[in-house]
Protein backbone atom coordinates (compact mmCIF):
# COMPACT_ATOMS: atom_id res chain seq x y z
CA MET A 1 9.76 11.21 -8.93
CA THR A 2 12.91 13.23 -8.74
CA ASP A 3 14.72 15.13 -6.04
CA SER A 4 15.72 18.76 -6.35
CA ALA A 5 16.80 21.65 -4.17
CA ASP A 6 13.40 23.32 -4.62
CA SER A 7 11.45 20.12 -3.93
CA PRO A 8 13.21 17.84 -1.43
CA SER A 9 12.03 14.26 -1.42
CA PHE A 10 11.63 11.61 1.26
CA ARG A 11 13.33 8.32 0.35
CA LEU A 12 11.62 5.27 1.81
CA ALA A 13 13.11 1.81 1.36
CA TYR A 14 11.21 -1.43 1.97
CA VAL A 15 12.08 -5.11 1.98
CA PRO A 16 10.16 -7.76 -0.02
CA GLY A 17 6.81 -8.66 1.47
CA VAL A 18 6.14 -5.19 2.88
CA THR A 19 3.51 -3.13 1.04
CA PRO A 20 3.98 0.62 1.66
CA ALA A 21 1.06 1.72 -0.56
CA LYS A 22 -1.25 2.74 2.31
CA TRP A 23 1.34 4.98 3.95
CA ALA A 24 2.46 6.37 0.60
CA ARG A 25 -1.11 7.43 -0.16
CA ILE A 26 -1.47 9.27 3.16
CA TRP A 27 1.90 10.95 2.59
CA ALA A 28 0.77 12.23 -0.80
CA GLU A 29 -2.39 13.67 0.75
CA ARG A 30 -0.62 15.43 3.62
CA LEU A 31 2.62 16.51 1.99
CA PRO A 32 1.82 16.93 -1.70
CA ASP A 33 4.82 19.21 -2.26
CA THR A 34 7.32 16.62 -0.98
CA PRO A 35 7.69 13.60 -3.30
CA LEU A 36 7.94 10.17 -1.69
CA VAL A 37 10.57 8.02 -3.42
CA LEU A 38 10.06 4.26 -2.86
CA LEU A 39 13.14 2.04 -2.97
CA GLN A 40 12.79 -1.74 -2.89
CA THR A 41 15.78 -3.41 -1.28
CA SER A 42 16.78 -6.85 -0.07
CA PRO A 43 16.98 -7.55 3.69
CA ALA A 44 20.77 -7.83 3.43
CA GLU A 45 21.13 -4.47 1.68
CA ALA A 46 18.67 -2.47 3.81
CA ASP A 47 21.19 -1.95 6.61
CA ALA A 48 23.90 -0.59 4.30
CA LEU A 49 21.38 1.59 2.45
CA LEU A 50 20.36 3.36 5.66
CA ARG A 51 23.91 3.64 6.98
CA GLY A 52 25.14 5.15 3.73
CA GLY A 53 22.36 7.74 3.53
CA GLY A 54 20.74 6.16 0.48
CA ALA A 55 17.37 6.19 2.23
CA ASP A 56 15.85 8.34 4.95
CA ALA A 57 13.92 5.46 6.51
CA ALA A 58 13.02 1.87 5.70
CA PHE A 59 10.51 -0.85 6.43
CA VAL A 60 12.70 -3.72 7.60
CA ARG A 61 12.44 -6.93 9.56
CA LEU A 62 13.80 -6.97 13.09
CA PRO A 63 16.31 -7.18 14.60
CA VAL A 64 18.32 -4.06 13.73
CA ASP A 65 21.45 -2.57 15.28
CA ARG A 66 19.91 -0.48 18.08
CA GLU A 67 23.18 1.39 18.64
CA VAL A 68 22.80 2.92 15.20
CA PHE A 69 19.11 2.72 14.28
CA SER A 70 15.83 3.69 15.88
CA ALA A 71 12.95 1.34 15.15
CA ILE A 72 9.18 1.30 15.66
CA PRO A 73 7.73 -2.24 15.54
CA LEU A 74 4.59 -2.29 13.40
CA TYR A 75 3.27 -5.84 13.19
CA THR A 76 4.25 -9.51 13.51
CA GLU A 77 3.74 -11.79 10.52
CA THR A 78 2.24 -15.25 10.46
CA THR A 79 4.75 -17.96 9.55
CA VAL A 80 3.74 -20.49 6.91
CA VAL A 81 5.21 -23.46 5.07
CA VAL A 82 5.04 -23.42 1.26
CA VAL A 83 4.33 -26.79 -0.35
CA PRO A 84 3.05 -28.24 -3.65
CA ARG A 85 -0.76 -28.28 -3.90
CA ASP A 86 -0.90 -32.08 -3.77
CA HIS A 87 1.34 -32.36 -0.69
CA VAL A 88 0.05 -34.37 2.28
CA ILE A 89 0.46 -31.31 4.53
CA THR A 90 -2.44 -29.58 2.76
CA ALA A 91 -4.87 -31.95 4.50
CA ALA A 92 -4.65 -29.71 7.59
CA GLU A 93 -5.19 -25.96 7.93
CA GLU A 94 -2.47 -25.60 10.57
CA ILE A 95 0.60 -27.68 11.28
CA THR A 96 3.44 -27.76 13.79
CA VAL A 97 7.21 -27.93 13.48
CA ASP A 98 7.06 -31.62 14.38
CA ASP A 99 5.01 -32.25 11.24
CA LEU A 100 8.08 -31.26 9.20
CA ALA A 101 10.39 -33.81 10.80
CA ASP A 102 10.49 -36.02 7.69
CA GLU A 103 10.51 -33.16 5.17
CA VAL A 104 13.45 -31.54 3.39
CA VAL A 105 13.15 -27.95 4.63
CA LEU A 106 14.94 -25.44 2.41
CA HIS A 107 16.98 -22.73 4.15
CA PRO A 108 17.81 -19.87 1.71
CA LEU A 109 20.70 -17.52 2.43
CA ASP A 110 18.30 -14.58 2.70
CA ASP A 111 16.11 -16.39 5.26
CA VAL A 112 14.16 -13.96 7.47
CA VAL A 113 12.47 -16.41 9.85
CA GLY A 114 15.44 -16.18 12.16
CA TRP A 115 16.19 -19.71 13.24
CA GLU A 116 19.72 -21.13 13.22
CA ARG A 117 18.59 -24.43 11.77
CA PRO A 118 15.14 -25.21 10.37
CA PRO A 119 13.38 -28.44 11.39
CA GLY A 120 13.37 -31.55 9.23
CA GLU A 121 16.15 -32.68 6.94
CA ALA A 122 18.63 -30.19 5.52
CA ALA A 123 18.86 -29.78 1.76
CA PHE A 124 22.06 -30.61 -0.09
CA GLU A 125 22.84 -26.91 -0.37
CA ARG A 126 21.23 -23.63 0.64
CA PRO A 127 19.45 -21.67 -2.13
CA ALA A 128 20.78 -18.16 -2.67
CA THR A 129 17.40 -16.46 -2.39
CA THR A 130 13.83 -17.11 -1.30
CA GLU A 131 12.78 -16.88 -4.93
CA ASP A 132 15.23 -19.67 -5.82
CA ALA A 133 13.85 -21.76 -2.96
CA ILE A 134 10.31 -21.33 -4.28
CA GLU A 135 11.44 -22.83 -7.60
CA LEU A 136 12.84 -25.84 -5.73
CA VAL A 137 9.55 -26.32 -3.89
CA ALA A 138 7.75 -26.34 -7.24
CA ALA A 139 10.20 -29.04 -8.40
CA ASN A 140 9.35 -31.17 -5.32
CA ILE A 141 12.87 -30.79 -3.89
CA GLY A 142 11.61 -29.68 -0.48
CA VAL A 143 9.34 -27.29 1.43
CA LEU A 144 9.99 -23.71 2.52
CA VAL A 145 9.15 -21.83 5.72
CA VAL A 146 8.62 -18.07 5.24
CA PRO A 147 6.48 -15.16 6.51
CA GLN A 148 3.04 -15.21 4.93
CA SER A 149 3.72 -12.00 2.99
CA LEU A 150 6.59 -13.68 1.12
CA ALA A 151 4.45 -16.70 0.34
CA ARG A 152 1.92 -14.33 -1.23
CA LEU A 153 4.61 -12.34 -3.02
CA HIS A 154 5.99 -15.49 -4.68
CA HIS A 155 2.58 -17.04 -5.31
CA ARG A 156 2.38 -19.79 -7.94
CA ARG A 157 -0.68 -21.67 -9.09
CA ASP A 158 0.97 -25.01 -8.41
CA LEU A 159 1.93 -24.10 -4.82
CA THR A 160 0.04 -23.33 -1.62
CA TYR A 161 0.88 -22.80 2.04
CA ARG A 162 -0.28 -23.71 5.54
CA THR A 163 0.16 -21.89 8.85
CA LEU A 164 3.04 -23.13 11.00
CA VAL A 165 1.77 -22.40 14.50
CA ASP A 166 4.90 -22.88 16.60
CA ALA A 167 7.64 -21.49 14.34
CA PRO A 168 9.57 -18.24 14.92
CA GLN A 169 7.82 -15.16 13.55
CA SER A 170 9.10 -12.17 11.61
CA GLU A 171 8.43 -8.68 12.98
CA VAL A 172 8.25 -5.71 10.60
CA ALA A 173 9.37 -2.26 11.78
CA LEU A 174 10.01 1.25 10.54
CA SER A 175 13.70 2.02 11.03
CA TRP A 176 15.99 5.00 10.44
CA PRO A 177 19.47 6.19 11.57
CA GLU A 178 19.09 7.62 15.06
CA ASP A 179 21.36 10.58 14.34
CA ALA A 180 19.36 11.49 11.21
CA THR A 181 15.90 12.03 12.66
CA SER A 182 14.80 14.83 10.36
CA ASP A 183 11.48 16.70 10.25
CA LEU A 184 10.38 14.54 7.33
CA VAL A 185 11.17 11.40 9.31
CA GLU A 186 9.01 12.75 12.14
CA ASP A 187 6.22 13.39 9.65
CA PHE A 188 6.38 9.81 8.41
CA ILE A 189 6.49 8.45 11.97
CA GLY A 190 3.23 10.30 12.60
CA ILE A 191 1.67 8.65 9.57
CA VAL A 192 2.64 5.09 10.49
CA ARG A 193 1.52 5.67 14.08
CA GLY A 194 -1.91 6.66 12.78
CA ARG A 195 -1.87 10.27 13.94
CA THR A 196 -4.42 12.57 12.37
CA VAL A 197 -3.36 15.65 10.45
CA ASN A 198 -4.28 17.86 13.44
CA SER A 199 -2.01 15.92 15.81
CA THR A 200 1.15 16.28 13.72
CA ARG A 201 3.75 19.04 13.86
CA GLY A 202 1.66 21.00 11.37
CA ARG A 203 -0.89 21.63 14.09
CA ALA A 204 1.38 24.22 15.66
CA GLN A 205 1.47 26.08 12.37
CA GLN A 206 -2.34 26.03 12.14
CA ALA A 207 -2.86 27.32 15.69
CA PRO A 208 -2.40 31.07 14.94
CA ALA A 209 -5.13 30.93 12.29
CA ALA A 210 -7.48 29.20 14.71
CA ASP A 211 -6.73 31.76 17.44
CA GLN A 212 -7.45 34.57 15.00
CA LYS A 213 -10.90 33.12 14.29
CA LYS A 214 -11.61 32.91 18.02
CA ASP A 215 -10.63 36.58 18.48
CA GLU A 216 -12.96 37.58 15.66
CA ARG A 217 -15.87 35.80 17.35
CA ARG A 218 -15.14 37.65 20.60
CA LYS A 219 -15.25 41.13 19.01
CA PRO A 220 -18.31 43.27 20.04
CA GLN A 221 -21.08 43.46 17.46
CA PRO A 222 -21.82 46.92 15.98
CA GLY A 223 -24.42 48.93 17.91
CA GLY A 224 -23.96 47.58 21.39
CA ALA A 225 -22.22 45.27 23.78
CA PRO A 226 -21.74 41.63 22.90
CA ARG A 227 -24.88 39.56 23.32
CA ARG A 228 -23.22 37.21 25.74
CA GLY A 229 -22.07 40.10 27.94
CA ALA A 230 -25.57 41.65 27.99
CA ALA A 231 -27.12 38.40 29.07
CA GLY A 232 -24.55 38.11 31.80
CA GLY A 233 -25.47 41.61 33.07
CA ILE A 234 -29.18 40.76 33.24
CA ARG A 235 -28.48 37.64 35.18
CA GLY A 236 -26.27 39.65 37.51
CA ARG A 237 -29.00 42.20 38.32
CA THR A 238 -31.56 39.48 38.87
CA ALA A 239 -29.23 37.71 41.22
CA GLY A 240 -28.66 40.99 43.07
CA ALA A 241 -32.38 41.60 43.46
CA LYS A 242 -32.93 38.14 44.84
CA SER A 243 -30.06 38.63 47.22
CA ALA A 244 -31.52 41.93 48.52
CA GLY A 245 -35.04 40.58 48.94
CA GLY A 246 -34.02 37.17 50.17
CA ALA A 247 -35.34 33.85 48.95
CA LYS A 248 -38.98 33.54 47.94
CA GLY A 249 -40.99 33.96 51.04
CA GLY A 250 -37.82 33.91 53.10
CA GLY A 251 -37.92 37.61 54.07
CA ALA A 252 -41.61 37.45 55.00
CA LYS A 253 -41.14 34.51 57.26
CA SER A 254 -38.21 36.07 59.02
CA GLY A 255 -40.21 39.29 59.55
CA GLY A 256 -43.20 37.34 60.81
CA ALA A 257 -45.73 38.77 58.27
CA LYS A 258 -46.90 37.37 54.93
CA GLY A 259 -45.54 39.47 52.13
CA GLY A 260 -42.69 40.94 54.18
CA GLY A 261 -42.47 42.58 57.59
CA SER A 262 -40.96 45.77 56.17
CA ARG A 263 -44.17 46.70 54.28
CA ARG A 264 -46.37 46.27 57.31
CA GLY A 265 -44.03 48.32 59.43
CA ALA A 266 -44.17 51.20 56.95
CA GLY A 267 -47.98 51.30 57.07
CA GLY A 268 -48.08 51.73 60.87
CA GLY A 269 -50.00 48.48 61.51
CA LYS A 270 -49.92 46.79 64.88
CA PRO A 271 -47.53 43.96 65.41
CA ARG A 272 -49.13 40.54 65.10
CA ARG A 273 -50.03 39.03 68.47
CA ARG A 274 -48.21 35.88 69.27
CA SER A 275 -50.10 33.04 70.79
C-alpha cells in the first residue's frame, strides 16, 4: 500500500504481540478509499516513531508520556512464565512469583512486564531482546516472564508456558500524539471503541439523505389528502359528535328521560312525575 496526494493513507504502528488484523479489516470495510499502512515496531522505537510523525497512531504497551500522547487502554494481558516442556513448573497450571525463587529468571533489555527486578536469581547478563531470551530458555539457561501474547509469538515446540498469577501485567493501548488528532485518527478511535458505522462522524453526512426520504414519505398522495390526515379528520369529527351529545347515556340521564330529554321536550310530552 502506498501513500499519495490523491489517496492519503493512515499509518498504524504496533508492537510485537499485538494483532491489528481485526481492526484493519473493519477499516478496509468502512474506509476503502483510504489505505491502512501497518508498521511493526519495537516497544523502544514506538515512542520515537509517533513523536517524529512516522505513524499516525500505534498500539503500544502502557505507560506512555501523557504530556505528549493521548491513549485509550484496550485490554490487560495475562502474564506467563516460559519454560522447557520437561520443567518441573509444568506440573501446575498456575504458579506464583514465590515458585520462581530458585530459578534463573531472564530479564531482557526490551522487557515489557515492568518490574525493576524479576524474582529468582539474576542471569549473568541481560539478553538484548525477548527473542534472544527465548533461545536461552530453550538452552536451559533460565526461564522468562512475558505477556502471554509474546509467549505465543515466540512459540517453540520444545517450550511451553504457565500463568503467573501474581506478577505485574502489561496493558495494551491505542496511542497517538495529542496535538495530531486528525479526522482519520478519530475514525480509527471509533473502530477500536466498537462504534457502529452509523455512530461515527459519517452519520452526519448521511443525515441529509435520510431527511430527504422522510420528506418524500410526508408528501400528499395524488388525488387527495394524505391518508393519515384523512383518518385524523374522521376521528376529530367523531370526537366532536360525542362531545356534543355527551357520553353514552349520559345526556339522557341528565335530562331525566331514556334516550335524551331534548327529544321528549320537542314532542310536547308531559314531564315524568317524580316519586
